[in-house]
């Protein structure tokens, strides 16, 4: 005998799966959140500033 299937559950499960696929594609497409990007940029700027503050001056041509 065949298994009884609730069509509403099947339809909703299919819709959920499609939404999850779309969400995964959007996460890849749009990348990291703005807060994470800003944090990474701030850390890079601080590291650059720290490095440049330890640099020795060699005159005008900097060679």
C-alpha atoms as a PDB file:
ATOM      1  CA  UNK A   1       0.000   0.000   0.000  1.00  0.00           C
ATOM      2  CA  UNK A   2       1.205   3.530  -0.784  1.00  0.00           C
ATOM      3  CA  UNK A   3       2.331   5.969   1.841  1.00  0.00           C
ATOM      4  CA  UNK A   4      -0.044   8.845   2.586  1.00  0.00           C
ATOM      5  CA  UNK A   5       1.527  12.218   1.816  1.00  0.00           C
ATOM      6  CA  UNK A   6       0.352  15.571   3.098  1.00  0.00           C
ATOM      7  CA  UNK A   7       0.642  17.820   0.036  1.00  0.00           C
ATOM      8  CA  UNK A   8       0.758  21.005   2.111  1.00  0.00           C
ATOM      9  CA  UNK A   9       3.832  19.742   3.989  1.00  0.00           C
ATOM     10  CA  UNK A  10       5.536  18.741   0.751  1.00  0.00           C
ATOM     11  CA  UNK A  11       4.794  22.115  -0.838  1.00  0.00           C
ATOM     12  CA  UNK A  12       6.050  24.039   2.205  1.00  0.00           C
ATOM     13  CA  UNK A  13       9.179  21.897   2.498  1.00  0.00           C
ATOM     14  CA  UNK A  14       9.964  22.509  -1.164  1.00  0.00           C
ATOM     15  CA  UNK A  15       9.500  26.276  -0.695  1.00  0.00           C
ATOM     16  CA  UNK A  16      11.789  26.233   2.367  1.00  0.00           C
ATOM     17  CA  UNK A  17      14.480  24.367   0.448  1.00  0.00           C
ATOM     18  CA  UNK A  18      14.305  26.852  -2.437  1.00  0.00           C
ATOM     19  CA  UNK A  19      14.551  29.799  -0.032  1.00  0.00           C
ATOM     20  CA  UNK A  20      17.594  28.226   1.635  1.00  0.00           C
ATOM     21  CA  UNK A  21      19.295  27.775  -1.744  1.00  0.00           C
ATOM     22  CA  UNK A  22      18.609  31.424  -2.599  1.00  0.00           C
ATOM     23  CA  UNK A  23      19.889  32.556   0.803  1.00  0.00           C
ATOM     24  CA  UNK A  24      23.097  30.546   0.400  1.00  0.00           C
ATOM     25  CA  UNK A  25      23.690  32.085  -3.032  1.00  0.00           C
ATOM     26  CA  UNK A  26      23.114  35.581  -1.610  1.00  0.00           C
ATOM     27  CA  UNK A  27      25.532  34.967   1.265  1.00  0.00           C
ATOM     28  CA  UNK A  28      28.235  34.055  -1.212  1.00  0.00           C
ATOM     29  CA  UNK A  29      27.364  36.917  -3.550  1.00  0.00           C
ATOM     30  CA  UNK A  30      27.265  39.682  -0.968  1.00  0.00           C
ATOM     31  CA  UNK A  31      30.142  38.481   1.185  1.00  0.00           C
ATOM     32  CA  UNK A  32      30.899  39.658   4.686  1.00  0.00           C
ATOM     33  CA  UNK A  33      28.802  42.043   6.811  1.00  0.00           C
ATOM     34  CA  UNK A  34      29.707  45.716   6.860  1.00  0.00           C
ATOM     35  CA  UNK A  35      30.798  45.575  10.512  1.00  0.00           C
ATOM     36  CA  UNK A  36      33.317  42.824   9.756  1.00  0.00           C
ATOM     37  CA  UNK A  37      34.658  44.737   6.726  1.00  0.00           C
ATOM     38  CA  UNK A  38      35.033  47.917   8.811  1.00  0.00           C
ATOM     39  CA  UNK A  39      36.803  46.004  11.590  1.00  0.00           C
ATOM     40  CA  UNK A  40      39.254  44.443   9.134  1.00  0.00           C
ATOM     41  CA  UNK A  41      39.951  47.835   7.550  1.00  0.00           C
ATOM     42  CA  UNK A  42      40.509  49.455  10.965  1.00  0.00           C
ATOM     43  CA  UNK A  43      42.933  46.698  11.973  1.00  0.00           C
ATOM     44  CA  UNK A  44      44.833  47.100   8.693  1.00  0.00           C
ATOM     45  CA  UNK A  45      45.046  50.888   9.156  1.00  0.00           C
ATOM     46  CA  UNK A  46      46.313  50.473  12.719  1.00  0.00           C
ATOM     47  CA  UNK A  47      48.957  47.980  11.596  1.00  0.00           C
ATOM     48  CA  UNK A  48      50.074  50.336   8.802  1.00  0.00           C
ATOM     49  CA  UNK A  49      50.239  53.251  11.220  1.00  0.00           C
ATOM     50  CA  UNK A  50      52.265  51.220  13.735  1.00  0.00           C
ATOM     51  CA  UNK A  51      54.663  50.100  11.025  1.00  0.00           C
ATOM     52  CA  UNK A  52      55.135  53.602   9.642  1.00  0.00           C
ATOM     53  CA  UNK A  53      55.717  55.042  13.121  1.00  0.00           C
ATOM     54  CA  UNK A  54      58.680  52.658  13.565  1.00  0.00           C
ATOM     55  CA  UNK A  55      60.231  53.604  10.227  1.00  0.00           C
ATOM     56  CA  UNK A  56      63.557  55.435  10.302  1.00  0.00           C
ATOM     57  CA  UNK A  57      63.891  58.617   8.281  1.00  0.00           C
ATOM     58  CA  UNK A  58      66.804  58.536   5.808  1.00  0.00           C
ATOM     59  CA  UNK A  59      66.566  62.007   4.328  1.00  0.00           C
ATOM     60  CA  UNK A  60      64.669  63.478   1.398  1.00  0.00           C
ATOM     61  CA  UNK A  61      64.927  60.626  -1.147  1.00  0.00           C
ATOM     62  CA  UNK A  62      64.010  57.894   1.429  1.00  0.00           C
ATOM     63  CA  UNK A  63      66.448  55.315  -0.057  1.00  0.00           C
END
